[in-house]
Amino acid sequence: MVRQSQKCLIAFTEARVLLGVAASTARPFSPPTAFRTTPRNRPGKLERTQMLEGRCHRCTRWVPVQGVKDADAKVTSLSLLSDGPLNSGVGM
């Protein structure tokens, strides 16, 4: 049986990962200030040969904004999440 605190933790984790929401502030992440493309050394058969990186607005480091797999992103539409655990009122 899943406890109430575990349900709340799962909902916040899903919000952070799927929607780009910061756990500490519950606000969306700020977008990168700049983008660049860098080559990858010895990519695997199904991996990208180049990576898209974004410059962090806070620390100014270059952070990968793509996964290494050479495939389209599978992003859930926000309208499909309207009935999910984030809006169920659990733990509120």
N, C-alpha and C. Protein backbone atom coordinates (compact mmCIF):
# COMPACT_ATOMS: atom_id res chain seq x y z
N MET A 1 0.84 -1.18 0.00
CA MET A 1 0.00 0.00 0.00
C MET A 1 0.88 1.25 0.00
N VAL A 2 0.55 2.21 -0.83
CA VAL A 2 1.33 3.44 -0.95
C VAL A 2 0.78 4.47 0.03
N ARG A 3 1.68 5.04 0.83
CA ARG A 3 1.25 6.04 1.81
C ARG A 3 1.04 7.39 1.14
N GLN A 4 0.35 8.27 1.85
CA GLN A 4 0.03 9.61 1.33
C GLN A 4 1.29 10.39 0.96
N SER A 5 2.33 10.34 1.81
CA SER A 5 3.57 11.08 1.54
C SER A 5 4.27 10.55 0.29
N GLN A 6 4.19 9.26 0.06
CA GLN A 6 4.79 8.68 -1.14
C GLN A 6 4.05 9.14 -2.40
N LYS A 7 2.73 9.24 -2.32
CA LYS A 7 1.95 9.71 -3.46
C LYS A 7 2.32 11.14 -3.81
N CYS A 8 2.49 11.96 -2.79
CA CYS A 8 2.85 13.36 -3.01
C CYS A 8 4.25 13.46 -3.63
N LEU A 9 5.18 12.66 -3.14
CA LEU A 9 6.54 12.64 -3.68
C LEU A 9 6.54 12.21 -5.14
N ILE A 10 5.75 11.21 -5.47
CA ILE A 10 5.65 10.74 -6.85
C ILE A 10 5.09 11.84 -7.74
N ALA A 11 4.06 12.53 -7.28
CA ALA A 11 3.46 13.60 -8.07
C ALA A 11 4.45 14.73 -8.33
N PHE A 12 5.21 15.15 -7.30
CA PHE A 12 6.18 16.21 -7.48
C PHE A 12 7.33 15.79 -8.39
N THR A 13 7.74 14.52 -8.30
CA THR A 13 8.79 14.02 -9.18
C THR A 13 8.32 14.04 -10.63
N GLU A 14 7.07 13.63 -10.87
CA GLU A 14 6.54 13.66 -12.23
C GLU A 14 6.47 15.09 -12.75
N ALA A 15 6.10 16.03 -11.90
CA ALA A 15 6.03 17.43 -12.33
C ALA A 15 7.41 17.94 -12.70
N ARG A 16 8.41 17.59 -11.91
CA ARG A 16 9.76 18.06 -12.17
C ARG A 16 10.29 17.49 -13.48
N VAL A 17 10.09 16.22 -13.69
CA VAL A 17 10.64 15.56 -14.87
C VAL A 17 9.85 15.89 -16.14
N LEU A 18 8.53 15.75 -16.08
CA LEU A 18 7.71 15.92 -17.29
C LEU A 18 7.48 17.37 -17.66
N LEU A 19 7.34 18.24 -16.67
CA LEU A 19 6.95 19.61 -16.96
C LEU A 19 8.07 20.61 -16.77
N GLY A 20 9.23 20.18 -16.24
CA GLY A 20 10.33 21.11 -16.03
C GLY A 20 10.08 22.05 -14.87
N VAL A 21 9.58 21.51 -13.75
CA VAL A 21 9.28 22.32 -12.58
C VAL A 21 10.33 22.05 -11.51
N ALA A 22 10.89 23.13 -10.93
CA ALA A 22 11.90 23.00 -9.88
C ALA A 22 11.26 22.49 -8.60
N ALA A 23 11.89 21.52 -7.94
CA ALA A 23 11.35 20.96 -6.71
C ALA A 23 11.40 21.97 -5.56
N SER A 24 12.41 22.81 -5.51
CA SER A 24 12.57 23.73 -4.37
C SER A 24 11.61 24.91 -4.42
N THR A 25 11.26 25.38 -5.63
CA THR A 25 10.42 26.57 -5.74
C THR A 25 9.05 26.28 -6.34
N ALA A 26 8.86 25.12 -6.92
CA ALA A 26 7.62 24.74 -7.62
C ALA A 26 7.33 25.68 -8.79
N ARG A 27 8.37 26.30 -9.34
CA ARG A 27 8.24 27.18 -10.50
C ARG A 27 8.96 26.54 -11.68
N PRO A 28 8.58 26.88 -12.91
CA PRO A 28 9.25 26.31 -14.09
C PRO A 28 10.72 26.71 -14.14
N PHE A 29 11.53 25.83 -14.72
CA PHE A 29 12.94 26.14 -14.92
C PHE A 29 13.06 27.31 -15.89
N SER A 30 14.06 28.15 -15.69
CA SER A 30 14.34 29.22 -16.64
C SER A 30 14.96 28.62 -17.89
N PRO A 31 14.64 29.14 -19.06
CA PRO A 31 15.21 28.59 -20.29
C PRO A 31 16.69 28.94 -20.41
N PRO A 32 17.44 28.19 -21.20
CA PRO A 32 18.85 28.52 -21.43
C PRO A 32 19.01 29.90 -22.06
N THR A 33 20.14 30.55 -21.77
CA THR A 33 20.40 31.88 -22.33
C THR A 33 20.97 31.80 -23.74
N ALA A 34 21.56 30.66 -24.11
CA ALA A 34 22.13 30.47 -25.46
C ALA A 34 22.19 28.96 -25.75
N PHE A 35 22.32 28.62 -27.01
CA PHE A 35 22.43 27.22 -27.43
C PHE A 35 23.67 27.06 -28.30
N ARG A 36 24.22 25.83 -28.29
CA ARG A 36 25.31 25.49 -29.19
C ARG A 36 25.24 23.99 -29.49
N THR A 37 25.86 23.60 -30.58
CA THR A 37 25.94 22.19 -30.96
C THR A 37 27.40 21.76 -30.90
N THR A 38 27.66 20.65 -30.20
CA THR A 38 29.02 20.15 -30.07
C THR A 38 29.08 18.71 -30.57
N PRO A 39 30.18 18.31 -31.22
CA PRO A 39 30.32 16.93 -31.68
C PRO A 39 30.58 15.98 -30.51
N ARG A 40 30.13 14.73 -30.66
CA ARG A 40 30.38 13.71 -29.65
C ARG A 40 31.50 12.80 -30.12
N ASN A 41 32.35 12.39 -29.20
CA ASN A 41 33.44 11.47 -29.51
C ASN A 41 32.91 10.04 -29.50
N ARG A 42 33.16 9.32 -30.54
CA ARG A 42 32.82 7.90 -30.68
C ARG A 42 31.39 7.57 -30.25
N PRO A 43 30.36 8.13 -30.93
CA PRO A 43 28.98 7.79 -30.57
C PRO A 43 28.67 6.35 -30.97
N GLY A 44 27.74 5.75 -30.25
CA GLY A 44 27.30 4.40 -30.57
C GLY A 44 26.44 4.37 -31.82
N LYS A 45 26.01 3.19 -32.20
CA LYS A 45 25.25 2.99 -33.44
C LYS A 45 23.95 3.80 -33.45
N LEU A 46 23.21 3.83 -32.36
CA LEU A 46 21.93 4.52 -32.31
C LEU A 46 22.01 5.82 -31.50
N GLU A 47 23.18 6.40 -31.41
CA GLU A 47 23.37 7.63 -30.63
C GLU A 47 23.62 8.82 -31.54
N ARG A 48 23.38 10.02 -31.02
CA ARG A 48 23.59 11.25 -31.76
C ARG A 48 25.08 11.48 -32.01
N THR A 49 25.39 12.06 -33.16
CA THR A 49 26.78 12.41 -33.45
C THR A 49 27.10 13.81 -32.94
N GLN A 50 26.05 14.62 -32.73
CA GLN A 50 26.21 15.97 -32.18
C GLN A 50 25.19 16.15 -31.06
N MET A 51 25.56 16.97 -30.06
CA MET A 51 24.67 17.24 -28.93
C MET A 51 24.32 18.72 -28.90
N LEU A 52 23.07 19.01 -28.61
CA LEU A 52 22.62 20.38 -28.41
C LEU A 52 22.79 20.70 -26.92
N GLU A 53 23.47 21.79 -26.64
CA GLU A 53 23.72 22.21 -25.26
C GLU A 53 23.14 23.61 -25.05
N GLY A 54 22.71 23.88 -23.83
CA GLY A 54 22.19 25.19 -23.47
C GLY A 54 23.01 25.79 -22.34
N ARG A 55 23.17 27.10 -22.34
CA ARG A 55 23.94 27.78 -21.29
C ARG A 55 23.00 28.09 -20.12
N CYS A 56 23.36 27.62 -18.93
CA CYS A 56 22.57 27.84 -17.72
C CYS A 56 22.57 29.32 -17.37
N HIS A 57 21.39 29.85 -17.03
CA HIS A 57 21.29 31.27 -16.70
C HIS A 57 21.92 31.60 -15.35
N ARG A 58 22.07 30.60 -14.49
CA ARG A 58 22.61 30.84 -13.15
C ARG A 58 24.12 30.60 -13.08
N CYS A 59 24.57 29.43 -13.49
CA CYS A 59 26.00 29.08 -13.35
C CYS A 59 26.80 29.30 -14.63
N THR A 60 26.15 29.62 -15.72
CA THR A 60 26.73 29.87 -17.05
C THR A 60 27.50 28.69 -17.62
N ARG A 61 27.25 27.48 -17.12
CA ARG A 61 27.86 26.28 -17.71
C ARG A 61 27.01 25.79 -18.86
N TRP A 62 27.64 25.04 -19.78
CA TRP A 62 26.92 24.43 -20.88
C TRP A 62 26.38 23.08 -20.43
N VAL A 63 25.08 22.88 -20.56
CA VAL A 63 24.40 21.68 -20.08
C VAL A 63 23.69 21.01 -21.27
N PRO A 64 23.82 19.68 -21.43
CA PRO A 64 23.11 19.00 -22.53
C PRO A 64 21.60 19.17 -22.37
N VAL A 65 20.91 19.49 -23.45
CA VAL A 65 19.46 19.62 -23.41
C VAL A 65 18.78 18.52 -24.22
N GLN A 66 19.57 17.55 -24.70
CA GLN A 66 19.06 16.40 -25.42
C GLN A 66 19.64 15.15 -24.78
N GLY A 67 18.96 14.04 -25.00
CA GLY A 67 19.51 12.76 -24.62
C GLY A 67 20.46 12.26 -25.70
N VAL A 68 21.26 11.25 -25.41
CA VAL A 68 22.23 10.76 -26.38
C VAL A 68 21.59 9.89 -27.46
N LYS A 69 20.42 9.31 -27.20
CA LYS A 69 19.77 8.46 -28.20
C LYS A 69 19.26 9.30 -29.36
N ASP A 70 19.49 8.84 -30.57
CA ASP A 70 19.07 9.55 -31.77
C ASP A 70 17.62 9.18 -32.09
N ALA A 71 16.69 9.76 -31.32
CA ALA A 71 15.26 9.50 -31.51
C ALA A 71 14.48 10.75 -31.13
N ASP A 72 13.26 10.84 -31.64
CA ASP A 72 12.41 11.96 -31.29
C ASP A 72 11.98 11.84 -29.83
N ALA A 73 11.81 12.98 -29.18
CA ALA A 73 11.37 13.00 -27.78
C ALA A 73 9.91 12.57 -27.69
N LYS A 74 9.60 11.83 -26.65
CA LYS A 74 8.23 11.41 -26.41
C LYS A 74 7.70 12.25 -25.26
N VAL A 75 7.09 13.39 -25.60
CA VAL A 75 6.63 14.34 -24.60
C VAL A 75 5.12 14.24 -24.49
N THR A 76 4.64 14.11 -23.26
CA THR A 76 3.21 14.04 -23.01
C THR A 76 2.61 15.44 -23.08
N SER A 77 1.50 15.55 -23.73
CA SER A 77 0.81 16.84 -23.83
C SER A 77 0.29 17.25 -22.46
N LEU A 78 0.32 18.54 -22.16
CA LEU A 78 -0.18 19.03 -20.89
C LEU A 78 -1.66 18.73 -20.71
N SER A 79 -2.43 18.71 -21.79
CA SER A 79 -3.85 18.41 -21.68
C SER A 79 -4.08 16.97 -21.24
N LEU A 80 -3.17 16.06 -21.59
CA LEU A 80 -3.31 14.67 -21.16
C LEU A 80 -2.99 14.51 -19.68
N LEU A 81 -2.23 15.43 -19.12
CA LEU A 81 -1.87 15.35 -17.70
C LEU A 81 -2.92 15.97 -16.79
N SER A 82 -3.96 16.57 -17.34
CA SER A 82 -4.93 17.28 -16.52
C SER A 82 -5.66 16.35 -15.56
N ASP A 83 -5.77 15.06 -15.88
CA ASP A 83 -6.42 14.12 -14.99
C ASP A 83 -5.42 13.27 -14.22
N GLY A 84 -4.14 13.63 -14.30
CA GLY A 84 -3.09 12.85 -13.65
C GLY A 84 -2.96 13.16 -12.18
N PRO A 85 -1.93 12.61 -11.53
CA PRO A 85 -1.75 12.76 -10.09
C PRO A 85 -1.47 14.19 -9.66
N LEU A 86 -1.03 15.05 -10.58
CA LEU A 86 -0.72 16.42 -10.18
C LEU A 86 -1.98 17.23 -9.89
N ASN A 87 -3.07 16.89 -10.52
CA ASN A 87 -4.30 17.63 -10.35
C ASN A 87 -5.36 16.86 -9.57
N SER A 88 -4.98 15.77 -8.95
CA SER A 88 -5.97 14.94 -8.26
C SER A 88 -6.27 15.47 -6.87
N GLY A 89 -5.50 16.43 -6.38
CA GLY A 89 -5.74 16.97 -5.05
C GLY A 89 -5.14 16.15 -3.94
N VAL A 90 -4.37 15.11 -4.30
CA VAL A 90 -3.75 14.25 -3.30
C VAL A 90 -2.65 15.02 -2.59
N GLY A 91 -2.67 15.02 -1.30
CA GLY A 91 -1.63 15.65 -0.51
C GLY A 91 -1.75 17.16 -0.45
N MET A 92 -2.82 17.72 -0.90
CA MET A 92 -2.97 19.17 -0.89
C MET A 92 -3.79 19.60 0.30
